[in-house]
Amino acid sequence: MLAQQRQQAILELVQRRGGVRVADLVREFGVSDMTIRRDLEVLSERGLVTKVHGGATTVGTASTEEPGFAAKSVRQRQEKEAIARRAAQLVRPGTAIAVSAGTTTWTLANHLTDVPDLTVVTNSVRIADVFYRAARTDQTIVLTGGIRTPSDALVGPVAVNAIRSLNVDLLLLGVHGMSTRAGFTTPNLMEAETDRAMVGSARRLAVLADHTKWGTVGLSTIARLTDADVLITDAGIGEDARKGLSEAVGELVVVDAGPARDGEDSG
């Protein structure tokens, strides 16, 4: 078993049991104590587990906790880049799209500046700025306005009313978390309402979510898993999660975020 596969298996055990002991993992995986401790260190540095004496536990993230844009932007950079590149392939010239606020969707925006005759509706100042700096005269950018959140989303009644008056071909949605029970979620109530308005305005929904979003549940649900026409995630997603997502979403696309970045499969 490769280190990445073992670390993913350890993470799934932590999420399922709530905590693990080093000694138990040594027996389960047949590797040294030092190897397991290195694995836990890697998972801890990525913010996926909390290291404790003799083992690790789940990260105690409250359903209302909302990290800022800067904090989220340093997490899973390779995964977000691979997801964004694949999501950009869904966008056709001459179409109208909506792009929700978030670090993965901000990464995506940088891949869309060369798409001709594009109309982009967004509730993110940062995403609007990406297109503004590109200075293409054949692209129209619609910024919703609204109240700014810690993650730099524009939300509230101003944003909702603007979005509800529009119709777009495709929504590219970033999420805080996803689970079978809660669907796609966010910790911010007003952001959830704004994102739900975006879902309602779009003919098709594509969700961009790296593997760490699985099992994370925010306070408010944006959409059900079955509402997604496409879900793009990375190869770090566990087998149980793949099975559940494949059965729920219209199409599950799994991209390889490794150094070669040329592996990709869908199911």
Protein backbone atom coordinates (compact mmCIF):
# COMPACT_ATOMS: atom_id res chain seq x y z
CA MET A 1 0.00 0.00 0.00
CA LEU A 2 1.33 3.42 -0.97
CA ALA A 3 1.70 6.08 1.72
CA GLN A 4 -1.10 8.19 0.23
CA GLN A 5 -3.46 5.20 0.16
CA ARG A 6 -2.58 4.29 3.76
CA GLN A 7 -3.12 7.88 4.92
CA GLN A 8 -6.52 7.97 3.22
CA ALA A 9 -7.44 4.68 4.91
CA ILE A 10 -6.32 6.07 8.28
CA LEU A 11 -8.38 9.22 7.72
CA GLU A 12 -11.47 7.14 6.95
CA LEU A 13 -10.92 5.15 10.16
CA VAL A 14 -10.63 8.37 12.18
CA GLN A 15 -13.81 9.75 10.64
CA ARG A 16 -15.68 6.49 11.21
CA ARG A 17 -14.48 5.80 14.77
CA GLY A 18 -13.90 9.34 15.97
CA GLY A 19 -10.31 8.48 16.91
CA VAL A 20 -7.51 5.90 16.46
CA ARG A 21 -4.50 4.65 18.44
CA VAL A 22 -1.03 4.33 16.93
CA ALA A 23 -0.64 0.79 18.29
CA ASP A 24 -3.89 -0.33 16.63
CA LEU A 25 -2.88 1.21 13.30
CA VAL A 26 0.53 -0.52 13.43
CA ARG A 27 -1.23 -3.88 13.76
CA GLU A 28 -3.89 -3.06 11.16
CA PHE A 29 -1.49 -1.90 8.43
CA GLY A 30 1.54 -3.99 9.29
CA VAL A 31 3.98 -1.07 9.29
CA SER A 32 6.26 0.45 11.90
CA ASP A 33 5.27 2.77 14.71
CA MET A 34 7.38 5.51 13.10
CA THR A 35 5.59 5.13 9.76
CA ILE A 36 2.17 5.54 11.39
CA ARG A 37 3.34 8.59 13.33
CA ARG A 38 4.59 10.14 10.08
CA ASP A 39 1.23 9.43 8.47
CA LEU A 40 -0.60 11.11 11.34
CA GLU A 41 1.77 14.07 11.11
CA VAL A 42 0.97 14.47 7.41
CA LEU A 43 -2.78 14.30 8.08
CA SER A 44 -2.46 16.73 10.98
CA GLU A 45 -0.48 19.24 8.90
CA ARG A 46 -3.23 19.12 6.28
CA GLY A 47 -5.80 19.88 8.97
CA LEU A 48 -7.60 16.56 8.52
CA VAL A 49 -7.02 15.08 12.02
CA THR A 50 -6.01 16.32 15.45
CA LYS A 51 -2.94 14.59 16.91
CA VAL A 52 -3.23 13.46 20.52
CA HIS A 53 -0.96 11.41 22.78
CA GLY A 54 -0.78 7.91 21.29
CA GLY A 55 -3.03 8.56 18.31
CA ALA A 56 -5.36 11.01 16.57
CA THR A 57 -8.96 12.20 16.69
CA THR A 58 -11.34 13.96 14.33
CA VAL A 59 -10.91 17.68 13.84
CA GLY A 60 -13.42 19.47 16.05
CA THR A 61 -14.92 21.78 13.45
CA ALA A 62 -18.21 23.36 14.43
CA SER A 63 -20.99 23.52 11.84
CA THR A 64 -20.96 27.32 12.10
CA GLU A 65 -17.18 27.81 11.77
CA GLU A 66 -16.29 29.73 8.63
CA PRO A 67 -12.58 30.13 7.77
CA GLY A 68 -11.58 33.25 5.87
CA PHE A 69 -10.49 33.29 2.21
CA ALA A 70 -6.78 33.48 3.07
CA ALA A 71 -6.98 30.50 5.43
CA LYS A 72 -8.84 28.36 2.90
CA SER A 73 -6.65 29.36 -0.04
CA VAL A 74 -3.61 27.50 1.33
CA ARG A 75 -5.46 24.21 1.76
CA GLN A 76 -5.37 21.44 -0.90
CA ARG A 77 -3.82 23.71 -3.54
CA GLN A 78 -2.90 20.89 -5.93
CA GLU A 79 -6.32 19.33 -5.64
CA LYS A 80 -8.09 22.63 -6.26
CA GLU A 81 -5.94 23.34 -9.29
CA ALA A 82 -6.68 19.92 -10.82
CA ILE A 83 -10.40 20.27 -10.10
CA ALA A 84 -10.48 23.78 -11.56
CA ARG A 85 -8.72 22.72 -14.78
CA ARG A 86 -11.25 19.93 -15.29
CA ALA A 87 -14.22 22.17 -14.47
CA ALA A 88 -13.05 24.71 -17.05
CA GLN A 89 -13.71 22.08 -19.74
CA LEU A 90 -17.44 22.33 -18.95
CA VAL A 91 -17.57 26.01 -19.99
CA ARG A 92 -18.35 26.74 -23.63
CA PRO A 93 -17.81 30.02 -25.51
CA GLY A 94 -20.85 32.22 -25.81
CA THR A 95 -22.62 30.87 -22.73
CA ALA A 96 -23.83 32.48 -19.50
CA ILE A 97 -22.47 30.93 -16.31
CA ALA A 98 -22.67 31.60 -12.59
CA VAL A 99 -19.63 31.12 -10.37
CA SER A 100 -20.11 31.03 -6.60
CA ALA A 101 -17.61 32.51 -4.16
CA GLY A 102 -14.78 30.33 -2.84
CA THR A 103 -11.13 29.43 -3.27
CA THR A 104 -11.72 26.52 -5.67
CA THR A 105 -14.00 28.62 -7.85
CA TRP A 106 -11.50 31.49 -7.68
CA THR A 107 -8.87 29.06 -9.01
CA LEU A 108 -11.32 28.09 -11.74
CA ALA A 109 -11.84 31.74 -12.73
CA ASN A 110 -8.18 31.98 -13.67
CA HIS A 111 -8.79 29.23 -16.25
CA LEU A 112 -11.81 30.97 -17.78
CA THR A 113 -10.34 34.31 -18.76
CA ASP A 114 -9.55 33.06 -22.27
CA VAL A 115 -13.09 31.78 -23.02
CA PRO A 116 -14.60 34.11 -25.64
CA ASP A 117 -18.04 35.75 -25.44
CA LEU A 118 -18.59 34.60 -21.87
CA THR A 119 -21.11 36.10 -19.45
CA VAL A 120 -20.23 35.47 -15.80
CA VAL A 121 -22.53 36.07 -12.85
CA THR A 122 -20.71 35.93 -9.52
CA ASN A 123 -21.16 36.93 -5.88
CA SER A 124 -17.40 37.16 -5.35
CA VAL A 125 -15.40 40.38 -5.61
CA ARG A 126 -12.20 38.33 -5.93
CA ILE A 127 -13.57 36.32 -8.86
CA ALA A 128 -14.87 39.45 -10.58
CA ASP A 129 -11.38 40.97 -10.19
CA VAL A 130 -9.81 38.00 -11.99
CA PHE A 131 -11.90 38.77 -15.07
CA TYR A 132 -11.47 42.52 -14.66
CA ARG A 133 -7.68 42.17 -14.79
CA ALA A 134 -7.96 40.06 -17.95
CA ALA A 135 -9.67 43.09 -19.56
CA ARG A 136 -11.47 41.16 -22.31
CA THR A 137 -14.04 43.29 -24.12
CA ASP A 138 -16.03 40.19 -25.19
CA GLN A 139 -16.70 39.05 -21.61
CA THR A 140 -19.51 40.45 -19.47
CA ILE A 141 -19.12 40.19 -15.69
CA VAL A 142 -22.15 40.65 -13.44
CA LEU A 143 -21.30 41.21 -9.75
CA THR A 144 -24.33 40.74 -7.52
CA GLY A 145 -23.57 43.11 -4.65
CA GLY A 146 -24.58 42.26 -1.10
CA ILE A 147 -23.11 41.80 2.38
CA ARG A 148 -19.52 40.51 2.48
CA THR A 149 -18.78 37.33 4.49
CA PRO A 150 -15.45 36.17 6.04
CA SER A 151 -14.92 33.99 2.95
CA ASP A 152 -15.44 37.04 0.68
CA ALA A 153 -18.85 36.00 -0.62
CA LEU A 154 -21.49 38.68 -1.27
CA VAL A 155 -24.74 37.49 0.29
CA GLY A 156 -28.12 38.63 1.59
CA PRO A 157 -31.28 40.04 -0.03
CA VAL A 158 -29.47 42.28 -2.53
CA ALA A 159 -27.50 39.33 -3.88
CA VAL A 160 -30.49 36.99 -3.83
CA ASN A 161 -32.77 39.43 -5.69
CA ALA A 162 -30.14 40.05 -8.36
CA ILE A 163 -29.57 36.33 -8.92
CA ARG A 164 -33.26 35.40 -9.02
CA SER A 165 -33.83 37.75 -11.95
CA LEU A 166 -31.24 35.94 -14.08
CA ASN A 167 -31.02 32.66 -15.98
CA VAL A 168 -27.70 30.96 -16.68
CA ASP A 169 -26.64 27.85 -18.55
CA LEU A 170 -24.34 26.47 -15.85
CA LEU A 171 -23.57 27.09 -12.19
CA LEU A 172 -20.10 26.22 -10.93
CA LEU A 173 -20.54 25.89 -7.18
CA GLY A 174 -17.94 25.60 -4.44
CA VAL A 175 -19.06 24.16 -1.10
CA HIS A 176 -17.87 24.00 2.52
CA GLY A 177 -18.89 20.38 2.99
CA MET A 178 -20.83 17.45 1.58
CA SER A 179 -22.42 14.35 3.06
CA THR A 180 -25.08 11.81 2.21
CA ARG A 181 -27.39 13.09 4.95
CA ALA A 182 -26.94 16.87 4.66
CA GLY A 183 -26.03 17.25 0.98
CA PHE A 184 -23.89 20.27 0.01
CA THR A 185 -23.53 22.68 2.92
CA THR A 186 -22.08 25.96 4.17
CA PRO A 187 -21.71 27.36 7.71
CA ASN A 188 -23.19 30.74 6.69
CA LEU A 189 -27.00 30.97 6.59
CA MET A 190 -27.11 33.94 4.21
CA GLU A 191 -24.52 32.36 1.91
CA ALA A 192 -26.65 29.22 1.75
CA GLU A 193 -29.67 31.29 0.71
CA THR A 194 -27.63 33.08 -1.95
CA ASP A 195 -26.19 29.82 -3.27
CA ARG A 196 -29.68 28.28 -3.36
CA ALA A 197 -30.79 31.21 -5.53
CA MET A 198 -27.88 30.45 -7.88
CA VAL A 199 -28.91 26.78 -8.04
CA GLY A 200 -32.45 27.87 -8.94
CA SER A 201 -31.22 30.17 -11.72
CA ALA A 202 -29.09 27.55 -13.50
CA ARG A 203 -29.99 24.93 -16.08
CA ARG A 204 -27.13 22.70 -14.92
CA LEU A 205 -25.23 22.42 -11.62
CA ALA A 206 -21.56 21.48 -11.39
CA VAL A 207 -20.11 21.20 -7.87
CA LEU A 208 -16.37 21.59 -7.26
CA ALA A 209 -15.26 19.95 -4.00
CA ASP A 210 -11.94 18.42 -2.98
CA HIS A 211 -11.90 15.20 -0.96
CA THR A 212 -11.59 16.94 2.41
CA LYS A 213 -15.12 18.31 2.00
CA TRP A 214 -16.58 14.80 2.32
CA GLY A 215 -18.02 14.25 5.80
CA THR A 216 -17.86 17.97 6.66
CA VAL A 217 -21.30 19.37 7.49
CA GLY A 218 -22.02 23.09 7.63
CA LEU A 219 -25.01 24.59 9.38
CA SER A 220 -27.14 25.13 6.28
CA THR A 221 -27.84 22.95 3.25
CA ILE A 222 -27.45 24.48 -0.21
CA ALA A 223 -28.61 21.52 -2.30
CA ARG A 224 -29.03 17.77 -2.17
CA LEU A 225 -26.37 15.53 -3.66
CA THR A 226 -28.91 14.43 -6.26
CA ASP A 227 -29.25 18.04 -7.47
CA ALA A 228 -25.72 18.00 -8.90
CA ASP A 229 -25.49 17.20 -12.61
CA VAL A 230 -21.69 16.92 -12.22
CA LEU A 231 -19.45 16.66 -9.16
CA ILE A 232 -15.72 17.13 -9.67
CA THR A 233 -13.43 15.97 -6.86
CA ASP A 234 -9.91 14.57 -6.52
CA ALA A 235 -8.43 11.10 -6.17
CA GLY A 236 -8.04 11.50 -2.41
CA ILE A 237 -11.73 10.72 -2.02
CA GLY A 238 -12.31 7.39 -0.23
CA GLU A 239 -13.95 4.36 -1.81
CA ASP A 240 -17.07 4.58 0.38
CA ALA A 241 -17.48 8.22 -0.57
CA ARG A 242 -17.00 7.43 -4.26
CA LYS A 243 -19.69 4.79 -4.09
CA GLY A 244 -22.16 7.05 -2.33
CA LEU A 245 -21.49 9.99 -4.63
CA SER A 246 -21.64 7.87 -7.79
CA GLU A 247 -25.11 6.70 -6.78
CA ALA A 248 -26.34 10.22 -5.99
CA VAL A 249 -24.93 12.75 -8.48
CA GLY A 250 -25.53 12.79 -12.22
CA GLU A 251 -21.84 12.30 -13.02
CA LEU A 252 -18.87 11.88 -10.68
CA VAL A 253 -15.55 13.04 -12.11
CA VAL A 254 -12.39 12.19 -10.17
CA VAL A 255 -9.18 13.97 -11.15
CA ASP A 256 -5.59 13.13 -10.29
CA ALA A 257 -3.88 15.92 -8.37
CA GLY A 258 -0.48 14.23 -8.40
CA PRO A 259 2.69 15.67 -9.97
CA ALA A 260 1.93 14.25 -13.41
CA ARG A 261 -1.66 15.54 -13.28
CA ASP A 262 -2.64 13.53 -16.32
CA GLY A 263 -4.73 10.82 -14.75
CA GLU A 264 -8.48 11.23 -14.74
CA ASP A 265 -11.47 8.99 -14.56
CA SER A 266 -15.19 9.40 -14.24
CA GLY A 267 -17.92 7.19 -12.97
